[in-house]
Amino acid sequence: EHLHDPHLTPTAIAAAHHISTSYLHRLFRDEDATVAEWIRR
């Protein structure tokens, strides 16, 4: 829903969901891509 936002970063995503950035990165370990790679794809 926020792909158009050039400021969509892992830090911003983590803050919007009230979790730490490190926990966000752990969630994406099973997605075969880092958070930044998933956004870029």
All heavy atoms as atom14 arrays in JSON, in Angstrom:
{
  "sequence": "EHLHDPHLTPTAIAAAHHISTSYLHRLFRDEDATVAEWIRR",
  "atom14_mask": [
    [1, 1, 1, 1, 1, 1, 1, 1, 1, 0, 0, 0, 0, 0],
    [1, 1, 1, 1, 1, 1, 1, 1, 1, 1, 0, 0, 0, 0],
    [1, 1, 1, 1, 1, 1, 1, 1, 0, 0, 0, 0, 0, 0],
    [1, 1, 1, 1, 1, 1, 1, 1, 1, 1, 0, 0, 0, 0],
    [1, 1, 1, 1, 1, 1, 1, 1, 0, 0, 0, 0, 0, 0],
    [1, 1, 1, 1, 1, 1, 1, 0, 0, 0, 0, 0, 0, 0],
    [1, 1, 1, 1, 1, 1, 1, 1, 1, 1, 0, 0, 0, 0],
    [1, 1, 1, 1, 1, 1, 1, 1, 0, 0, 0, 0, 0, 0],
    [1, 1, 1, 1, 1, 1, 1, 0, 0, 0, 0, 0, 0, 0],
    [1, 1, 1, 1, 1, 1, 1, 0, 0, 0, 0, 0, 0, 0],
    [1, 1, 1, 1, 1, 1, 1, 0, 0, 0, 0, 0, 0, 0],
    [1, 1, 1, 1, 1, 0, 0, 0, 0, 0, 0, 0, 0, 0],
    [1, 1, 1, 1, 1, 1, 1, 1, 0, 0, 0, 0, 0, 0],
    [1, 1, 1, 1, 1, 0, 0, 0, 0, 0, 0, 0, 0, 0],
    [1, 1, 1, 1, 1, 0, 0, 0, 0, 0, 0, 0, 0, 0],
    [1, 1, 1, 1, 1, 0, 0, 0, 0, 0, 0, 0, 0, 0],
    [1, 1, 1, 1, 1, 1, 1, 1, 1, 1, 0, 0, 0, 0],
    [1, 1, 1, 1, 1, 1, 1, 1, 1, 1, 0, 0, 0, 0],
    [1, 1, 1, 1, 1, 1, 1, 1, 0, 0, 0, 0, 0, 0],
    [1, 1, 1, 1, 1, 1, 0, 0, 0, 0, 0, 0, 0, 0],
    [1, 1, 1, 1, 1, 1, 1, 0, 0, 0, 0, 0, 0, 0],
    [1, 1, 1, 1, 1, 1, 0, 0, 0, 0, 0, 0, 0, 0],
    [1, 1, 1, 1, 1, 1, 1, 1, 1, 1, 1, 1, 0, 0],
    [1, 1, 1, 1, 1, 1, 1, 1, 0, 0, 0, 0, 0, 0],
    [1, 1, 1, 1, 1, 1, 1, 1, 1, 1, 0, 0, 0, 0],
    [1, 1, 1, 1, 1, 1, 1, 1, 1, 1, 1, 0, 0, 0],
    [1, 1, 1, 1, 1, 1, 1, 1, 0, 0, 0, 0, 0, 0],
    [1, 1, 1, 1, 1, 1, 1, 1, 1, 1, 1, 0, 0, 0],
    [1, 1, 1, 1, 1, 1, 1, 1, 1, 1, 1, 0, 0, 0],
    [1, 1, 1, 1, 1, 1, 1, 1, 0, 0, 0, 0, 0, 0],
    [1, 1, 1, 1, 1, 1, 1, 1, 1, 0, 0, 0, 0, 0],
    [1, 1, 1, 1, 1, 1, 1, 1, 0, 0, 0, 0, 0, 0],
    [1, 1, 1, 1, 1, 0, 0, 0, 0, 0, 0, 0, 0, 0],
    [1, 1, 1, 1, 1, 1, 1, 0, 0, 0, 0, 0, 0, 0],
    [1, 1, 1, 1, 1, 1, 1, 0, 0, 0, 0, 0, 0, 0],
    [1, 1, 1, 1, 1, 0, 0, 0, 0, 0, 0, 0, 0, 0],
    [1, 1, 1, 1, 1, 1, 1, 1, 1, 0, 0, 0, 0, 0],
    [1, 1, 1, 1, 1, 1, 1, 1, 1, 1, 1, 1, 1, 1],
    [1, 1, 1, 1, 1, 1, 1, 1, 0, 0, 0, 0, 0, 0],
    [1, 1, 1, 1, 1, 1, 1, 1, 1, 1, 1, 0, 0, 0],
    [1, 1, 1, 1, 1, 1, 1, 1, 1, 1, 1, 0, 0, 0]
  ],
  "atom14_positions": [
    [[0.81, -1.21, 0.0], [0.0, 0.0, 0.0], [0.85, 1.27, 0.0], [0.33, 2.35, -0.27], [-0.93, 0.0, 1.21], [-2.01, -1.07, 1.14], [-2.82, -1.16, 2.42], [-2.54, -0.36, 3.35], [-3.72, -2.02, 2.49], [0.0, 0.0, 0.0], [0.0, 0.0, 0.0], [0.0, 0.0, 0.0], [0.0, 0.0, 0.0], [0.0, 0.0, 0.0]],
    [[2.14, 1.15, 0.3], [3.0, 2.33, 0.42], [4.21, 2.28, -0.52], [5.2, 2.97, -0.29], [3.49, 2.5, 1.87], [2.39, 2.82, 2.84], [1.58, 1.85, 3.38], [1.97, 4.01, 3.35], [0.7, 2.42, 4.19], [0.91, 3.71, 4.18], [0.0, 0.0, 0.0], [0.0, 0.0, 0.0], [0.0, 0.0, 0.0], [0.0, 0.0, 0.0]],
    [[4.11, 1.46, -1.58], [5.24, 1.35, -2.5], [5.6, 2.69, -3.14], [6.75, 2.92, -3.5], [4.91, 0.33, -3.6], [4.9, -1.14, -3.2], [4.44, -1.99, -4.36], [6.29, -1.58, -2.73], [0.0, 0.0, 0.0], [0.0, 0.0, 0.0], [0.0, 0.0, 0.0], [0.0, 0.0, 0.0], [0.0, 0.0, 0.0], [0.0, 0.0, 0.0]],
    [[4.63, 3.58, -3.28], [4.87, 4.87, -3.92], [5.72, 5.8, -3.06], [6.26, 6.79, -3.56], [3.53, 5.55, -4.2], [2.76, 5.84, -2.94], [2.02, 4.87, -2.29], [2.66, 6.96, -2.19], [1.47, 5.4, -1.21], [1.84, 6.66, -1.12], [0.0, 0.0, 0.0], [0.0, 0.0, 0.0], [0.0, 0.0, 0.0], [0.0, 0.0, 0.0]],
    [[5.83, 5.5, -1.78], [6.54, 6.37, -0.84], [8.05, 6.12, -0.91], [8.51, 5.05, -0.52], [6.02, 6.11, 0.58], [6.64, 7.06, 1.6], [7.52, 7.87, 1.23], [6.24, 6.98, 2.77], [0.0, 0.0, 0.0], [0.0, 0.0, 0.0], [0.0, 0.0, 0.0], [0.0, 0.0, 0.0], [0.0, 0.0, 0.0], [0.0, 0.0, 0.0]],
    [[8.84, 7.09, -1.38], [10.29, 6.86, -1.47], [10.95, 6.74, -0.1], [12.1, 6.29, 0.0], [10.8, 8.11, -2.22], [9.76, 9.14, -1.98], [8.45, 8.41, -1.89], [0.0, 0.0, 0.0], [0.0, 0.0, 0.0], [0.0, 0.0, 0.0], [0.0, 0.0, 0.0], [0.0, 0.0, 0.0], [0.0, 0.0, 0.0], [0.0, 0.0, 0.0]],
    [[10.24, 7.12, 0.95], [10.78, 7.03, 2.31], [10.34, 5.75, 3.03], [10.45, 5.66, 4.26], [10.35, 8.25, 3.13], [10.77, 9.55, 2.51], [12.09, 9.93, 2.38], [10.03, 10.55, 1.96], [12.16, 11.11, 1.79], [10.93, 11.51, 1.53], [0.0, 0.0, 0.0], [0.0, 0.0, 0.0], [0.0, 0.0, 0.0], [0.0, 0.0, 0.0]],
    [[9.87, 4.78, 2.25], [9.49, 3.49, 2.83], [10.76, 2.71, 3.13], [11.38, 2.13, 2.24], [8.6, 2.72, 1.85], [8.03, 1.38, 2.33], [7.02, 1.59, 3.45], [7.38, 0.63, 1.17], [0.0, 0.0, 0.0], [0.0, 0.0, 0.0], [0.0, 0.0, 0.0], [0.0, 0.0, 0.0], [0.0, 0.0, 0.0], [0.0, 0.0, 0.0]],
    [[11.15, 2.67, 4.37], [12.38, 2.02, 4.8], [12.07, 1.01, 5.9], [11.0, 1.07, 6.51], [13.38, 3.05, 5.35], [12.8, 3.66, 6.53], [13.69, 4.13, 4.32], [0.0, 0.0, 0.0], [0.0, 0.0, 0.0], [0.0, 0.0, 0.0], [0.0, 0.0, 0.0], [0.0, 0.0, 0.0], [0.0, 0.0, 0.0], [0.0, 0.0, 0.0]],
    [[12.99, 0.08, 6.16], [12.76, -0.85, 7.27], [12.49, -0.14, 8.59], [11.64, -0.58, 9.37], [14.07, -1.65, 7.31], [14.54, -1.65, 5.89], [14.19, -0.29, 5.37], [0.0, 0.0, 0.0], [0.0, 0.0, 0.0], [0.0, 0.0, 0.0], [0.0, 0.0, 0.0], [0.0, 0.0, 0.0], [0.0, 0.0, 0.0], [0.0, 0.0, 0.0]],
    [[13.18, 0.96, 8.84], [12.96, 1.7, 10.09], [11.54, 2.23, 10.16], [10.86, 2.12, 11.2], [13.96, 2.85, 10.2], [15.29, 2.33, 10.17], [13.74, 3.62, 11.49], [0.0, 0.0, 0.0], [0.0, 0.0, 0.0], [0.0, 0.0, 0.0], [0.0, 0.0, 0.0], [0.0, 0.0, 0.0], [0.0, 0.0, 0.0], [0.0, 0.0, 0.0]],
    [[11.05, 2.8, 9.05], [9.69, 3.34, 9.03], [8.65, 2.24, 9.17], [7.64, 2.39, 9.85], [9.47, 4.13, 7.74], [0.0, 0.0, 0.0], [0.0, 0.0, 0.0], [0.0, 0.0, 0.0], [0.0, 0.0, 0.0], [0.0, 0.0, 0.0], [0.0, 0.0, 0.0], [0.0, 0.0, 0.0], [0.0, 0.0, 0.0], [0.0, 0.0, 0.0]],
    [[8.9, 1.1, 8.51], [7.96, -0.02, 8.57], [7.9, -0.57, 9.99], [6.81, -0.84, 10.53], [8.37, -1.12, 7.59], [8.26, -0.61, 6.15], [7.52, -2.37, 7.77], [8.93, -1.49, 5.13], [0.0, 0.0, 0.0], [0.0, 0.0, 0.0], [0.0, 0.0, 0.0], [0.0, 0.0, 0.0], [0.0, 0.0, 0.0], [0.0, 0.0, 0.0]],
    [[9.05, -0.75, 10.61], [9.08, -1.27, 11.98], [8.34, -0.34, 12.93], [7.56, -0.78, 13.79], [10.52, -1.47, 12.43], [0.0, 0.0, 0.0], [0.0, 0.0, 0.0], [0.0, 0.0, 0.0], [0.0, 0.0, 0.0], [0.0, 0.0, 0.0], [0.0, 0.0, 0.0], [0.0, 0.0, 0.0], [0.0, 0.0, 0.0], [0.0, 0.0, 0.0]],
    [[8.56, 0.96, 12.77], [7.9, 1.93, 13.65], [6.39, 1.89, 13.48], [5.63, 1.99, 14.45], [8.43, 3.33, 13.36], [0.0, 0.0, 0.0], [0.0, 0.0, 0.0], [0.0, 0.0, 0.0], [0.0, 0.0, 0.0], [0.0, 0.0, 0.0], [0.0, 0.0, 0.0], [0.0, 0.0, 0.0], [0.0, 0.0, 0.0], [0.0, 0.0, 0.0]],
    [[5.92, 1.73, 12.23], [4.48, 1.7, 11.98], [3.82, 0.48, 12.61], [2.61, 0.5, 12.87], [4.23, 1.72, 10.48], [0.0, 0.0, 0.0], [0.0, 0.0, 0.0], [0.0, 0.0, 0.0], [0.0, 0.0, 0.0], [0.0, 0.0, 0.0], [0.0, 0.0, 0.0], [0.0, 0.0, 0.0], [0.0, 0.0, 0.0], [0.0, 0.0, 0.0]],
    [[4.6, -0.58, 12.85], [4.04, -1.8, 13.42], [4.49, -2.03, 14.86], [4.28, -3.12, 15.42], [4.41, -3.0, 12.53], [3.71, -2.98, 11.21], [4.2, -2.25, 10.14], [2.55, -3.56, 10.78], [3.39, -2.4, 9.12], [2.4, -3.17, 9.47], [0.0, 0.0, 0.0], [0.0, 0.0, 0.0], [0.0, 0.0, 0.0], [0.0, 0.0, 0.0]],
    [[5.14, -1.02, 15.44], [5.53, -1.05, 16.85], [6.42, -2.24, 17.19], [6.24, -2.92, 18.21], [4.27, -1.05, 17.74], [3.28, 0.01, 17.4], [3.52, 1.36, 17.63], [2.06, -0.05, 16.79], [2.48, 2.07, 17.21], [1.59, 1.24, 16.69], [0.0, 0.0, 0.0], [0.0, 0.0, 0.0], [0.0, 0.0, 0.0], [0.0, 0.0, 0.0]],
    [[7.37, -2.5, 16.3], [8.35, -3.55, 16.55], [9.73, -2.97, 16.27], [9.86, -1.91, 15.66], [8.12, -4.79, 15.66], [8.2, -4.42, 14.17], [6.79, -5.45, 15.99], [8.08, -5.6, 13.22], [0.0, 0.0, 0.0], [0.0, 0.0, 0.0], [0.0, 0.0, 0.0], [0.0, 0.0, 0.0], [0.0, 0.0, 0.0], [0.0, 0.0, 0.0]],
    [[10.76, -3.67, 16.7], [12.12, -3.19, 16.44], [12.52, -3.53, 15.01], [11.99, -4.47, 14.39], [13.09, -3.84, 17.42], [13.21, -5.24, 17.17], [0.0, 0.0, 0.0], [0.0, 0.0, 0.0], [0.0, 0.0, 0.0], [0.0, 0.0, 0.0], [0.0, 0.0, 0.0], [0.0, 0.0, 0.0], [0.0, 0.0, 0.0], [0.0, 0.0, 0.0]],
    [[13.49, -2.8, 14.49], [13.98, -3.07, 13.14], [14.62, -4.46, 13.07], [14.48, -5.16, 12.06], [14.99, -2.0, 12.72], [14.39, -0.71, 12.84], [15.42, -2.18, 11.28], [0.0, 0.0, 0.0], [0.0, 0.0, 0.0], [0.0, 0.0, 0.0], [0.0, 0.0, 0.0], [0.0, 0.0, 0.0], [0.0, 0.0, 0.0], [0.0, 0.0, 0.0]],
    [[15.31, -4.85, 14.11], [15.95, -6.17, 14.11], [14.91, -7.28, 14.06], [15.1, -8.3, 13.38], [16.84, -6.33, 15.34], [16.08, -6.21, 16.54], [0.0, 0.0, 0.0], [0.0, 0.0, 0.0], [0.0, 0.0, 0.0], [0.0, 0.0, 0.0], [0.0, 0.0, 0.0], [0.0, 0.0, 0.0], [0.0, 0.0, 0.0], [0.0, 0.0, 0.0]],
    [[13.78, -7.1, 14.76], [12.73, -8.12, 14.71], [12.1, -8.16, 13.33], [11.76, -9.23, 12.81], [11.66, -7.84, 15.77], [10.6, -8.91, 15.85], [10.93, -10.23, 16.14], [9.26, -8.61, 15.62], [9.97, -11.22, 16.2], [8.28, -9.6, 15.68], [8.65, -10.9, 15.98], [7.69, -11.88, 16.03], [0.0, 0.0, 0.0], [0.0, 0.0, 0.0]],
    [[11.94, -7.0, 12.7], [11.41, -6.96, 11.33], [12.3, -7.78, 10.4], [11.8, -8.57, 9.58], [11.33, -5.51, 10.85], [10.94, -5.32, 9.38], [9.51, -5.76, 9.14], [11.12, -3.85, 8.97], [0.0, 0.0, 0.0], [0.0, 0.0, 0.0], [0.0, 0.0, 0.0], [0.0, 0.0, 0.0], [0.0, 0.0, 0.0], [0.0, 0.0, 0.0]],
    [[13.6, -7.61, 10.51], [14.52, -8.36, 9.65], [14.42, -9.86, 9.93], [14.5, -10.68, 9.0], [15.95, -7.87, 9.85], [16.21, -6.53, 9.24], [16.04, -6.28, 7.9], [16.64, -5.36, 9.79], [16.35, -5.02, 7.63], [16.7, -4.43, 8.77], [0.0, 0.0, 0.0], [0.0, 0.0, 0.0], [0.0, 0.0, 0.0], [0.0, 0.0, 0.0]],
    [[14.2, -10.25, 11.18], [14.06, -11.67, 11.51], [12.79, -12.25, 10.88], [12.78, -13.4, 10.42], [14.02, -11.88, 13.03], [15.38, -11.67, 13.7], [15.43, -12.36, 15.05], [14.44, -11.84, 15.98], [14.63, -10.78, 16.77], [15.77, -10.1, 16.7], [13.69, -10.4, 17.6], [0.0, 0.0, 0.0], [0.0, 0.0, 0.0], [0.0, 0.0, 0.0]],
    [[11.71, -11.46, 10.83], [10.47, -11.93, 10.21], [10.66, -12.27, 8.74], [10.02, -13.17, 8.21], [9.38, -10.87, 10.35], [8.8, -10.63, 11.74], [7.82, -9.46, 11.71], [8.1, -11.88, 12.27], [0.0, 0.0, 0.0], [0.0, 0.0, 0.0], [0.0, 0.0, 0.0], [0.0, 0.0, 0.0], [0.0, 0.0, 0.0], [0.0, 0.0, 0.0]],
    [[11.56, -11.55, 8.08], [11.74, -11.73, 6.63], [12.79, -12.78, 6.29], [13.07, -13.0, 5.11], [12.08, -10.4, 5.96], [10.86, -9.6, 5.56], [10.09, -8.97, 6.52], [10.47, -9.51, 4.24], [8.96, -8.24, 6.17], [9.35, -8.79, 3.87], [8.59, -8.16, 4.84], [0.0, 0.0, 0.0], [0.0, 0.0, 0.0], [0.0, 0.0, 0.0]],
    [[13.35, -13.43, 7.26], [14.34, -14.47, 6.97], [13.74, -15.62, 6.16], [14.43, -16.28, 5.37], [14.93, -15.02, 8.27], [15.94, -14.07, 8.93], [16.43, -14.64, 10.24], [17.34, -13.72, 10.91], [17.77, -13.87, 12.15], [17.38, -14.93, 12.86], [18.6, -12.98, 12.68], [0.0, 0.0, 0.0], [0.0, 0.0, 0.0], [0.0, 0.0, 0.0]],
    [[12.44, -15.89, 6.33], [11.79, -16.98, 5.61], [11.23, -16.53, 4.26], [10.61, -17.33, 3.56], [10.64, -17.55, 6.45], [11.14, -18.22, 7.73], [12.29, -18.71, 7.72], [10.38, -18.25, 8.71], [0.0, 0.0, 0.0], [0.0, 0.0, 0.0], [0.0, 0.0, 0.0], [0.0, 0.0, 0.0], [0.0, 0.0, 0.0], [0.0, 0.0, 0.0]],
    [[11.45, -15.28, 3.88], [10.88, -14.76, 2.63], [11.88, -14.78, 1.48], [11.59, -14.28, 0.4], [10.39, -13.31, 2.84], [9.35, -13.17, 3.93], [8.14, -14.06, 3.71], [7.64, -14.1, 2.57], [7.72, -14.73, 4.67], [0.0, 0.0, 0.0], [0.0, 0.0, 0.0], [0.0, 0.0, 0.0], [0.0, 0.0, 0.0], [0.0, 0.0, 0.0]],
    [[13.04, -15.35, 1.68], [14.05, -15.45, 0.63], [14.46, -14.07, 0.12], [14.8, -13.9, -1.04], [13.54, -16.32, -0.52], [14.65, -16.7, -1.5], [15.8, -16.82, -1.04], [14.38, -16.86, -2.7], [0.0, 0.0, 0.0], [0.0, 0.0, 0.0], [0.0, 0.0, 0.0], [0.0, 0.0, 0.0], [0.0, 0.0, 0.0], [0.0, 0.0, 0.0]],
    [[14.39, -13.08, 0.98], [14.78, -11.72, 0.61], [14.84, -10.87, 1.87], [14.08, -11.09, 2.82], [13.78, -11.1, -0.37], [0.0, 0.0, 0.0], [0.0, 0.0, 0.0], [0.0, 0.0, 0.0], [0.0, 0.0, 0.0], [0.0, 0.0, 0.0], [0.0, 0.0, 0.0], [0.0, 0.0, 0.0], [0.0, 0.0, 0.0], [0.0, 0.0, 0.0]],
    [[15.77, -9.91, 1.87], [15.75, -8.93, 2.96], [14.54, -8.02, 2.78], [13.87, -8.04, 1.74], [17.03, -8.09, 2.95], [17.06, -7.3, 1.74], [18.28, -8.98, 3.0], [0.0, 0.0, 0.0], [0.0, 0.0, 0.0], [0.0, 0.0, 0.0], [0.0, 0.0, 0.0], [0.0, 0.0, 0.0], [0.0, 0.0, 0.0], [0.0, 0.0, 0.0]],
    [[14.28, -7.2, 3.79], [13.15, -6.28, 3.69], [13.33, -5.35, 2.5], [12.41, -5.14, 1.7], [13.0, -5.45, 4.99], [11.8, -4.5, 4.88], [12.84, -6.37, 6.2], [0.0, 0.0, 0.0], [0.0, 0.0, 0.0], [0.0, 0.0, 0.0], [0.0, 0.0, 0.0], [0.0, 0.0, 0.0], [0.0, 0.0, 0.0], [0.0, 0.0, 0.0]],
    [[14.52, -4.79, 2.36], [14.78, -3.86, 1.25], [14.64, -4.55, -0.1], [14.09, -3.99, -1.06], [16.18, -3.26, 1.39], [0.0, 0.0, 0.0], [0.0, 0.0, 0.0], [0.0, 0.0, 0.0], [0.0, 0.0, 0.0], [0.0, 0.0, 0.0], [0.0, 0.0, 0.0], [0.0, 0.0, 0.0], [0.0, 0.0, 0.0], [0.0, 0.0, 0.0]],
    [[15.12, -5.8, -0.2], [14.98, -6.55, -1.45], [13.52, -6.84, -1.76], [13.1, -6.74, -2.91], [15.76, -7.86, -1.36], [17.27, -7.68, -1.39], [18.01, -8.96, -1.06], [17.35, -9.9, -0.54], [19.22, -9.03, -1.3], [0.0, 0.0, 0.0], [0.0, 0.0, 0.0], [0.0, 0.0, 0.0], [0.0, 0.0, 0.0], [0.0, 0.0, 0.0]],
    [[12.75, -7.16, -0.74], [11.33, -7.46, -0.94], [10.6, -6.22, -1.46], [9.77, -6.31, -2.37], [10.7, -7.94, 0.37], [9.48, -8.79, 0.19], [9.43, -10.14, 0.05], [8.12, -8.33, 0.12], [8.12, -10.56, -0.09], [7.3, -9.47, -0.06], [7.53, -7.07, 0.19], [5.92, -9.38, -0.17], [6.15, -6.98, 0.07], [5.35, -8.12, -0.1]],
    [[10.9, -5.06, -0.89], [10.3, -3.8, -1.35], [10.69, -3.54, -2.8], [9.84, -3.2, -3.64], [10.75, -2.63, -0.45], [10.21, -2.8, 0.97], [10.3, -1.3, -1.05], [10.78, -1.8, 1.96], [0.0, 0.0, 0.0], [0.0, 0.0, 0.0], [0.0, 0.0, 0.0], [0.0, 0.0, 0.0], [0.0, 0.0, 0.0], [0.0, 0.0, 0.0]],
    [[11.98, -3.69, -3.12], [12.45, -3.41, -4.47], [11.78, -4.33, -5.5], [11.39, -3.89, -6.59], [13.97, -3.54, -4.54], [14.56, -3.15, -5.9], [16.06, -3.01, -5.86], [16.74, -4.22, -5.45], [17.31, -4.39, -4.25], [17.29, -3.42, -3.35], [17.92, -5.52, -3.95], [0.0, 0.0, 0.0], [0.0, 0.0, 0.0], [0.0, 0.0, 0.0]],
    [[11.63, -5.61, -5.17], [10.98, -6.54, -6.09], [9.54, -6.14, -6.37], [9.08, -6.16, -7.52], [11.0, -7.96, -5.5], [12.37, -8.61, -5.48], [12.27, -9.99, -4.84], [13.59, -10.6, -4.68], [13.8, -11.77, -4.09], [12.75, -12.46, -3.63], [15.02, -12.27, -3.96], [0.0, 0.0, 0.0], [0.0, 0.0, 0.0], [0.0, 0.0, 0.0]]
  ]
}
